[in-house]
Amino acid sequence: MVLCLRLGYVVPGEETIPEQIAANKQPYYQALETADKAWKRGKVNVSAMTRMLDAMLAKQLLSIHNRATGKRSQRSRRKLH
């Protein structure tokens, strides 16, 4: 991901991280709140944000992998039924 950004590329995949956050803001707000609470105690804790972003990036990259290998995502299959 860092390499793509450094080279000026957008990480491929459906439902990018910003799109996922826009679709469901609550996990993002909760991760920010967790970090804020730790900061108020004089600590740095971004573990909730890290977990959230890790899951979102995995979802985004899995979609591009599935497209490259010809697999349909669960989302695509639901649309067909």
PDB file of N, CA and C in Angstrom:
ATOM      1  N   MET A   1       0.828  -1.180   0.000  1.00  0.00           N
ATOM      2  CA  MET A   1       0.000   0.000   0.000  1.00  0.00           C
ATOM      3  C   MET A   1       0.876   1.248   0.000  1.00  0.00           C
ATOM      4  N   VAL A   2       1.887   1.249   0.846  1.00  0.00           N
ATOM      5  CA  VAL A   2       2.784   2.400   0.924  1.00  0.00           C
ATOM      6  C   VAL A   2       3.501   2.603  -0.406  1.00  0.00           C
ATOM      7  N   LEU A   3       3.937   1.521  -1.027  1.00  0.00           N
ATOM      8  CA  LEU A   3       4.605   1.617  -2.322  1.00  0.00           C
ATOM      9  C   LEU A   3       3.680   2.234  -3.368  1.00  0.00           C
ATOM     10  N   CYS A   4       2.440   1.794  -3.414  1.00  0.00           N
ATOM     11  CA  CYS A   4       1.476   2.372  -4.356  1.00  0.00           C
ATOM     12  C   CYS A   4       1.332   3.873  -4.120  1.00  0.00           C
ATOM     13  N   LEU A   5       1.176   4.264  -2.880  1.00  0.00           N
ATOM     14  CA  LEU A   5       0.995   5.681  -2.570  1.00  0.00           C
ATOM     15  C   LEU A   5       2.226   6.494  -2.933  1.00  0.00           C
ATOM     16  N   ARG A   6       3.401   5.952  -2.630  1.00  0.00           N
ATOM     17  CA  ARG A   6       4.656   6.654  -2.966  1.00  0.00           C
ATOM     18  C   ARG A   6       4.801   6.870  -4.462  1.00  0.00           C
ATOM     19  N   LEU A   7       4.318   5.915  -5.252  1.00  0.00           N
ATOM     20  CA  LEU A   7       4.423   5.997  -6.701  1.00  0.00           C
ATOM     21  C   LEU A   7       3.256   6.755  -7.332  1.00  0.00           C
ATOM     22  N   GLY A   8       2.327   7.208  -6.499  1.00  0.00           N
ATOM     23  CA  GLY A   8       1.199   7.981  -6.999  1.00  0.00           C
ATOM     24  C   GLY A   8       0.056   7.148  -7.527  1.00  0.00           C
ATOM     25  N   TYR A   9       0.021   5.875  -7.163  1.00  0.00           N
ATOM     26  CA  TYR A   9      -1.053   4.995  -7.610  1.00  0.00           C
ATOM     27  C   TYR A   9      -2.104   4.840  -6.519  1.00  0.00           C
ATOM     28  N   VAL A  10      -3.307   4.588  -6.947  1.00  0.00           N
ATOM     29  CA  VAL A  10      -4.375   4.262  -6.015  1.00  0.00           C
ATOM     30  C   VAL A  10      -4.383   2.751  -5.856  1.00  0.00           C
ATOM     31  N   VAL A  11      -4.525   2.281  -4.642  1.00  0.00           N
ATOM     32  CA  VAL A  11      -4.598   0.846  -4.396  1.00  0.00           C
ATOM     33  C   VAL A  11      -5.875   0.326  -5.066  1.00  0.00           C
ATOM     34  N   PRO A  12      -5.764  -0.701  -5.912  1.00  0.00           N
ATOM     35  CA  PRO A  12      -6.945  -1.183  -6.632  1.00  0.00           C
ATOM     36  C   PRO A  12      -7.908  -1.923  -5.717  1.00  0.00           C
ATOM     37  N   GLY A  13      -9.078  -2.170  -6.241  1.00  0.00           N
ATOM     38  CA  GLY A  13     -10.075  -2.956  -5.524  1.00  0.00           C
ATOM     39  C   GLY A  13     -11.383  -2.205  -5.393  1.00  0.00           C
ATOM     40  N   GLU A  14     -12.429  -2.976  -5.232  1.00  0.00           N
ATOM     41  CA  GLU A  14     -13.755  -2.396  -5.028  1.00  0.00           C
ATOM     42  C   GLU A  14     -13.911  -2.040  -3.567  1.00  0.00           C
ATOM     43  N   GLU A  15     -14.717  -1.090  -3.322  1.00  0.00           N
ATOM     44  CA  GLU A  15     -14.940  -0.600  -1.968  1.00  0.00           C
ATOM     45  C   GLU A  15     -13.616  -0.236  -1.306  1.00  0.00           C
ATOM     46  N   THR A  16     -13.074   0.887  -1.728  1.00  0.00           N
ATOM     47  CA  THR A  16     -11.834   1.381  -1.146  1.00  0.00           C
ATOM     48  C   THR A  16     -12.055   1.688   0.332  1.00  0.00           C
ATOM     49  N   ILE A  17     -10.979   1.888   1.044  1.00  0.00           N
ATOM     50  CA  ILE A  17     -11.090   2.196   2.472  1.00  0.00           C
ATOM     51  C   ILE A  17     -11.970   3.430   2.698  1.00  0.00           C
ATOM     52  N   PRO A  18     -11.760   4.539   1.975  1.00  0.00           N
ATOM     53  CA  PRO A  18     -12.662   5.680   2.186  1.00  0.00           C
ATOM     54  C   PRO A  18     -14.127   5.354   1.887  1.00  0.00           C
ATOM     55  N   GLU A  19     -14.376   4.530   0.872  1.00  0.00           N
ATOM     56  CA  GLU A  19     -15.757   4.140   0.561  1.00  0.00           C
ATOM     57  C   GLU A  19     -16.341   3.281   1.686  1.00  0.00           C
ATOM     58  N   GLN A  20     -15.537   2.389   2.249  1.00  0.00           N
ATOM     59  CA  GLN A  20     -16.008   1.551   3.350  1.00  0.00           C
ATOM     60  C   GLN A  20     -16.328   2.401   4.578  1.00  0.00           C
ATOM     61  N   ILE A  21     -15.473   3.380   4.861  1.00  0.00           N
ATOM     62  CA  ILE A  21     -15.718   4.264   6.004  1.00  0.00           C
ATOM     63  C   ILE A  21     -16.989   5.069   5.775  1.00  0.00           C
ATOM     64  N   ALA A  22     -17.165   5.603   4.552  1.00  0.00           N
ATOM     65  CA  ALA A  22     -18.357   6.392   4.243  1.00  0.00           C
ATOM     66  C   ALA A  22     -19.630   5.563   4.378  1.00  0.00           C
ATOM     67  N   ALA A  23     -19.555   4.288   4.035  1.00  0.00           N
ATOM     68  CA  ALA A  23     -20.723   3.411   4.100  1.00  0.00           C
ATOM     69  C   ALA A  23     -21.098   3.045   5.536  1.00  0.00           C
ATOM     70  N   ASN A  24     -20.108   3.027   6.428  1.00  0.00           N
ATOM     71  CA  ASN A  24     -20.351   2.670   7.823  1.00  0.00           C
ATOM     72  C   ASN A  24     -19.334   3.417   8.685  1.00  0.00           C
ATOM     73  N   LYS A  25     -19.696   4.597   9.118  1.00  0.00           N
ATOM     74  CA  LYS A  25     -18.767   5.468   9.847  1.00  0.00           C
ATOM     75  C   LYS A  25     -18.530   5.061  11.303  1.00  0.00           C
ATOM     76  N   GLN A  26     -19.432   4.291  11.873  1.00  0.00           N
ATOM     77  CA  GLN A  26     -19.353   3.968  13.299  1.00  0.00           C
ATOM     78  C   GLN A  26     -18.021   3.319  13.712  1.00  0.00           C
ATOM     79  N   PRO A  27     -17.517   2.294  13.022  1.00  0.00           N
ATOM     80  CA  PRO A  27     -16.230   1.719  13.439  1.00  0.00           C
ATOM     81  C   PRO A  27     -15.085   2.748  13.405  1.00  0.00           C
ATOM     82  N   TYR A  28     -15.119   3.629  12.423  1.00  0.00           N
ATOM     83  CA  TYR A  28     -14.095   4.677  12.320  1.00  0.00           C
ATOM     84  C   TYR A  28     -14.187   5.619  13.516  1.00  0.00           C
ATOM     85  N   TYR A  29     -15.397   6.067  13.840  1.00  0.00           N
ATOM     86  CA  TYR A  29     -15.574   6.959  14.983  1.00  0.00           C
ATOM     87  C   TYR A  29     -15.175   6.279  16.291  1.00  0.00           C
ATOM     88  N   GLN A  30     -15.496   5.002  16.427  1.00  0.00           N
ATOM     89  CA  GLN A  30     -15.116   4.272  17.639  1.00  0.00           C
ATOM     90  C   GLN A  30     -13.599   4.164  17.761  1.00  0.00           C
ATOM     91  N   ALA A  31     -12.917   3.907  16.645  1.00  0.00           N
ATOM     92  CA  ALA A  31     -11.454   3.818  16.667  1.00  0.00           C
ATOM     93  C   ALA A  31     -10.842   5.166  17.032  1.00  0.00           C
ATOM     94  N   LEU A  32     -11.396   6.237  16.505  1.00  0.00           N
ATOM     95  CA  LEU A  32     -10.911   7.574  16.860  1.00  0.00           C
ATOM     96  C   LEU A  32     -11.137   7.855  18.345  1.00  0.00           C
ATOM     97  N   GLU A  33     -12.295   7.478  18.840  1.00  0.00           N
ATOM     98  CA  GLU A  33     -12.612   7.698  20.259  1.00  0.00           C
ATOM     99  C   GLU A  33     -11.655   6.921  21.165  1.00  0.00           C
ATOM    100  N   THR A  34     -11.350   5.696  20.788  1.00  0.00           N
ATOM    101  CA  THR A  34     -10.394   4.888  21.564  1.00  0.00           C
ATOM    102  C   THR A  34      -9.032   5.560  21.600  1.00  0.00           C
ATOM    103  N   ALA A  35      -8.583   6.057  20.467  1.00  0.00           N
ATOM    104  CA  ALA A  35      -7.295   6.749  20.403  1.00  0.00           C
ATOM    105  C   ALA A  35      -7.324   8.030  21.223  1.00  0.00           C
ATOM    106  N   ASP A  36      -8.424   8.771  21.158  1.00  0.00           N
ATOM    107  CA  ASP A  36      -8.554  10.014  21.925  1.00  0.00           C
ATOM    108  C   ASP A  36      -8.513   9.754  23.428  1.00  0.00           C
ATOM    109  N   LYS A  37      -9.211   8.717  23.866  1.00  0.00           N
ATOM    110  CA  LYS A  37      -9.226   8.385  25.299  1.00  0.00           C
ATOM    111  C   LYS A  37      -7.823   8.048  25.788  1.00  0.00           C
ATOM    112  N   ALA A  38      -7.087   7.275  24.998  1.00  0.00           N
ATOM    113  CA  ALA A  38      -5.713   6.927  25.379  1.00  0.00           C
ATOM    114  C   ALA A  38      -4.851   8.183  25.426  1.00  0.00           C
ATOM    115  N   TRP A  39      -5.023   9.067  24.448  1.00  0.00           N
ATOM    116  CA  TRP A  39      -4.234  10.304  24.388  1.00  0.00           C
ATOM    117  C   TRP A  39      -4.467  11.164  25.626  1.00  0.00           C
ATOM    118  N   LYS A  40      -5.716  11.216  26.086  1.00  0.00           N
ATOM    119  CA  LYS A  40      -6.051  11.989  27.288  1.00  0.00           C
ATOM    120  C   LYS A  40      -5.381  11.415  28.534  1.00  0.00           C
ATOM    121  N   ARG A  41      -5.050  10.128  28.490  1.00  0.00           N
ATOM    122  CA  ARG A  41      -4.333   9.490  29.601  1.00  0.00           C
ATOM    123  C   ARG A  41      -2.816   9.556  29.403  1.00  0.00           C
ATOM    124  N   GLY A  42      -2.392  10.264  28.347  1.00  0.00           N
ATOM    125  CA  GLY A  42      -0.968  10.415  28.081  1.00  0.00           C
ATOM    126  C   GLY A  42      -0.354   9.228  27.346  1.00  0.00           C
ATOM    127  N   LYS A  43      -1.172   8.445  26.709  1.00  0.00           N
ATOM    128  CA  LYS A  43      -0.685   7.274  25.983  1.00  0.00           C
ATOM    129  C   LYS A  43      -1.078   7.373  24.508  1.00  0.00           C
ATOM    130  N   VAL A  44      -0.384   6.611  23.697  1.00  0.00           N
ATOM    131  CA  VAL A  44      -0.726   6.503  22.283  1.00  0.00           C
ATOM    132  C   VAL A  44      -1.234   5.086  22.058  1.00  0.00           C
ATOM    133  N   ASN A  45      -2.459   4.995  21.582  1.00  0.00           N
ATOM    134  CA  ASN A  45      -3.045   3.693  21.302  1.00  0.00           C
ATOM    135  C   ASN A  45      -3.872   3.803  20.028  1.00  0.00           C
ATOM    136  N   VAL A  46      -3.308   3.353  18.946  1.00  0.00           N
ATOM    137  CA  VAL A  46      -4.020   3.353  17.667  1.00  0.00           C
ATOM    138  C   VAL A  46      -4.344   1.927  17.229  1.00  0.00           C
ATOM    139  N   SER A  47      -4.356   1.006  18.168  1.00  0.00           N
ATOM    140  CA  SER A  47      -4.580  -0.403  17.835  1.00  0.00           C
ATOM    141  C   SER A  47      -5.961  -0.640  17.230  1.00  0.00           C
ATOM    142  N   ALA A  48      -6.991   0.042  17.720  1.00  0.00           N
ATOM    143  CA  ALA A  48      -8.333  -0.136  17.148  1.00  0.00           C
ATOM    144  C   ALA A  48      -8.366   0.365  15.708  1.00  0.00           C
ATOM    145  N   MET A  49      -7.713   1.494  15.451  1.00  0.00           N
ATOM    146  CA  MET A  49      -7.652   2.030  14.095  1.00  0.00           C
ATOM    147  C   MET A  49      -6.864   1.088  13.189  1.00  0.00           C
ATOM    148  N   THR A  50      -5.770   0.546  13.709  1.00  0.00           N
ATOM    149  CA  THR A  50      -4.948  -0.382  12.936  1.00  0.00           C
ATOM    150  C   THR A  50      -5.745  -1.619  12.545  1.00  0.00           C
ATOM    151  N   ARG A  51      -6.479  -2.192  13.495  1.00  0.00           N
ATOM    152  CA  ARG A  51      -7.308  -3.379  13.202  1.00  0.00           C
ATOM    153  C   ARG A  51      -8.378  -3.066  12.168  1.00  0.00           C
ATOM    154  N   MET A  52      -9.021  -1.913  12.320  1.00  0.00           N
ATOM    155  CA  MET A  52     -10.075  -1.528  11.388  1.00  0.00           C
ATOM    156  C   MET A  52      -9.514  -1.356   9.977  1.00  0.00           C
ATOM    157  N   LEU A  53      -8.411  -0.630   9.860  1.00  0.00           N
ATOM    158  CA  LEU A  53      -7.809  -0.400   8.545  1.00  0.00           C
ATOM    159  C   LEU A  53      -7.272  -1.689   7.942  1.00  0.00           C
ATOM    160  N   ASP A  54      -6.728  -2.563   8.776  1.00  0.00           N
ATOM    161  CA  ASP A  54      -6.238  -3.857   8.304  1.00  0.00           C
ATOM    162  C   ASP A  54      -7.367  -4.653   7.664  1.00  0.00           C
ATOM    163  N   ALA A  55      -8.513  -4.705   8.333  1.00  0.00           N
ATOM    164  CA  ALA A  55      -9.659  -5.451   7.810  1.00  0.00           C
ATOM    165  C   ALA A  55     -10.188  -4.814   6.527  1.00  0.00           C
ATOM    166  N   MET A  56     -10.232  -3.496   6.497  1.00  0.00           N
ATOM    167  CA  MET A  56     -10.735  -2.805   5.305  1.00  0.00           C
ATOM    168  C   MET A  56      -9.801  -2.985   4.111  1.00  0.00           C
ATOM    169  N   LEU A  57      -8.500  -2.909   4.359  1.00  0.00           N
ATOM    170  CA  LEU A  57      -7.545  -3.110   3.268  1.00  0.00           C
ATOM    171  C   LEU A  57      -7.624  -4.541   2.760  1.00  0.00           C
ATOM    172  N   ALA A  58      -7.761  -5.502   3.678  1.00  0.00           N
ATOM    173  CA  ALA A  58      -7.883  -6.901   3.265  1.00  0.00           C
ATOM    174  C   ALA A  58      -9.101  -7.096   2.373  1.00  0.00           C
ATOM    175  N   LYS A  59     -10.221  -6.474   2.746  1.00  0.00           N
ATOM    176  CA  LYS A  59     -11.451  -6.583   1.945  1.00  0.00           C
ATOM    177  C   LYS A  59     -11.238  -5.979   0.565  1.00  0.00           C
ATOM    178  N   GLN A  60     -10.587  -4.831   0.513  1.00  0.00           N
ATOM    179  CA  GLN A  60     -10.333  -4.163  -0.766  1.00  0.00           C
ATOM    180  C   GLN A  60      -9.414  -5.004  -1.650  1.00  0.00           C
ATOM    181  N   LEU A  61      -8.333  -5.522  -1.078  1.00  0.00           N
ATOM    182  CA  LEU A  61      -7.386  -6.311  -1.866  1.00  0.00           C
ATOM    183  C   LEU A  61      -7.970  -7.655  -2.280  1.00  0.00           C
ATOM    184  N   LEU A  62      -8.806  -8.241  -1.429  1.00  0.00           N
ATOM    185  CA  LEU A  62      -9.448  -9.501  -1.792  1.00  0.00           C
ATOM    186  C   LEU A  62     -10.351  -9.316  -3.008  1.00  0.00           C
ATOM    187  N   SER A  63     -11.002  -8.178  -3.090  1.00  0.00           N
ATOM    188  CA  SER A  63     -11.879  -7.944  -4.245  1.00  0.00           C
ATOM    189  C   SER A  63     -11.076  -7.897  -5.541  1.00  0.00           C
ATOM    190  N   ILE A  64      -9.902  -7.296  -5.521  1.00  0.00           N
ATOM    191  CA  ILE A  64      -9.093  -7.230  -6.738  1.00  0.00           C
ATOM    192  C   ILE A  64      -8.481  -8.602  -7.047  1.00  0.00           C
ATOM    193  N   HIS A  65      -8.132  -9.345  -6.018  1.00  0.00           N
ATOM    194  CA  HIS A  65      -7.625 -10.703  -6.223  1.00  0.00           C
ATOM    195  C   HIS A  65      -8.700 -11.578  -6.857  1.00  0.00           C
ATOM    196  N   ASN A  66      -9.899 -11.489  -6.322  1.00  0.00           N
ATOM    197  CA  ASN A  66     -11.006 -12.280  -6.864  1.00  0.00           C
ATOM    198  C   ASN A  66     -11.294 -11.907  -8.315  1.00  0.00           C
ATOM    199  N   ARG A  67     -11.241 -10.632  -8.612  1.00  0.00           N
ATOM    200  CA  ARG A  67     -11.472 -10.203  -9.991  1.00  0.00           C
ATOM    201  C   ARG A  67     -10.366 -10.716 -10.909  1.00  0.00           C
ATOM    202  N   ALA A  68      -9.127 -10.676 -10.437  1.00  0.00           N
ATOM    203  CA  ALA A  68      -7.994 -11.127 -11.254  1.00  0.00           C
ATOM    204  C   ALA A  68      -8.028 -12.634 -11.494  1.00  0.00           C
ATOM    205  N   THR A  69      -8.563 -13.379 -10.540  1.00  0.00           N
ATOM    206  CA  THR A  69      -8.608 -14.833 -10.671  1.00  0.00           C
ATOM    207  C   THR A  69      -9.952 -15.332 -11.201  1.00  0.00           C
ATOM    208  N   GLY A  70     -10.861 -14.400 -11.489  1.00  0.00           N
ATOM    209  CA  GLY A  70     -12.157 -14.782 -12.047  1.00  0.00           C
ATOM    210  C   GLY A  70     -13.174 -15.218 -11.019  1.00  0.00           C
ATOM    211  N   LYS A  71     -12.870 -15.060  -9.752  1.00  0.00           N
ATOM    212  CA  LYS A  71     -13.834 -15.413  -8.706  1.00  0.00           C
ATOM    213  C   LYS A  71     -14.776 -14.243  -8.490  1.00  0.00           C
ATOM    214  N   ARG A  72     -16.014 -14.564  -8.216  1.00  0.00           N
ATOM    215  CA  ARG A  72     -16.982 -13.522  -7.892  1.00  0.00           C
ATOM    216  C   ARG A  72     -17.022 -13.336  -6.395  1.00  0.00           C
ATOM    217  N   SER A  73     -17.197 -12.113  -5.975  1.00  0.00           N
ATOM    218  CA  SER A  73     -17.331 -11.845  -4.545  1.00  0.00           C
ATOM    219  C   SER A  73     -18.724 -12.233  -4.096  1.00  0.00           C
ATOM    220  N   GLN A  74     -18.899 -12.371  -2.793  1.00  0.00           N
ATOM    221  CA  GLN A  74     -20.224 -12.666  -2.244  1.00  0.00           C
ATOM    222  C   GLN A  74     -21.198 -11.573  -2.652  1.00  0.00           C
ATOM    223  N   ARG A  75     -20.718 -10.342  -2.666  1.00  0.00           N
ATOM    224  CA  ARG A  75     -21.548  -9.205  -3.025  1.00  0.00           C
ATOM    225  C   ARG A  75     -22.064  -9.342  -4.454  1.00  0.00           C
ATOM    226  N   SER A  76     -21.194  -9.726  -5.387  1.00  0.00           N
ATOM    227  CA  SER A  76     -21.583  -9.876  -6.790  1.00  0.00           C
ATOM    228  C   SER A  76     -22.599 -10.996  -6.954  1.00  0.00           C
ATOM    229  N   ARG A  77     -22.404 -12.086  -6.230  1.00  0.00           N
ATOM    230  CA  ARG A  77     -23.325 -13.208  -6.338  1.00  0.00           C
ATOM    231  C   ARG A  77     -24.713 -12.832  -5.846  1.00  0.00           C
ATOM    232  N   ARG A  78     -24.780 -12.041  -4.789  1.00  0.00           N
ATOM    233  CA  ARG A  78     -26.077 -11.641  -4.264  1.00  0.00           C
ATOM    234  C   ARG A  78     -26.842 -10.802  -5.273  1.00  0.00           C
ATOM    235  N   LYS A  79     -26.151  -9.981  -6.014  1.00  0.00           N
ATOM    236  CA  LYS A  79     -26.818  -9.124  -6.992  1.00  0.00           C
ATOM    237  C   LYS A  79     -27.460  -9.945  -8.110  1.00  0.00           C
ATOM    238  N   LEU A  80     -26.897 -11.106  -8.396  1.00  0.00           N
ATOM    239  CA  LEU A  80     -27.424 -11.915  -9.477  1.00  0.00           C
ATOM    240  C   LEU A  80     -28.672 -12.676  -9.078  1.00  0.00           C
ATOM    241  N   HIS A  81     -28.893 -12.859  -7.815  1.00  0.00           N
ATOM    242  CA  HIS A  81     -30.051 -13.643  -7.360  1.00  0.00           C
ATOM    243  C   HIS A  81     -31.245 -12.809  -7.090  1.00  0.00           C
TER     244      HIS A  81
END
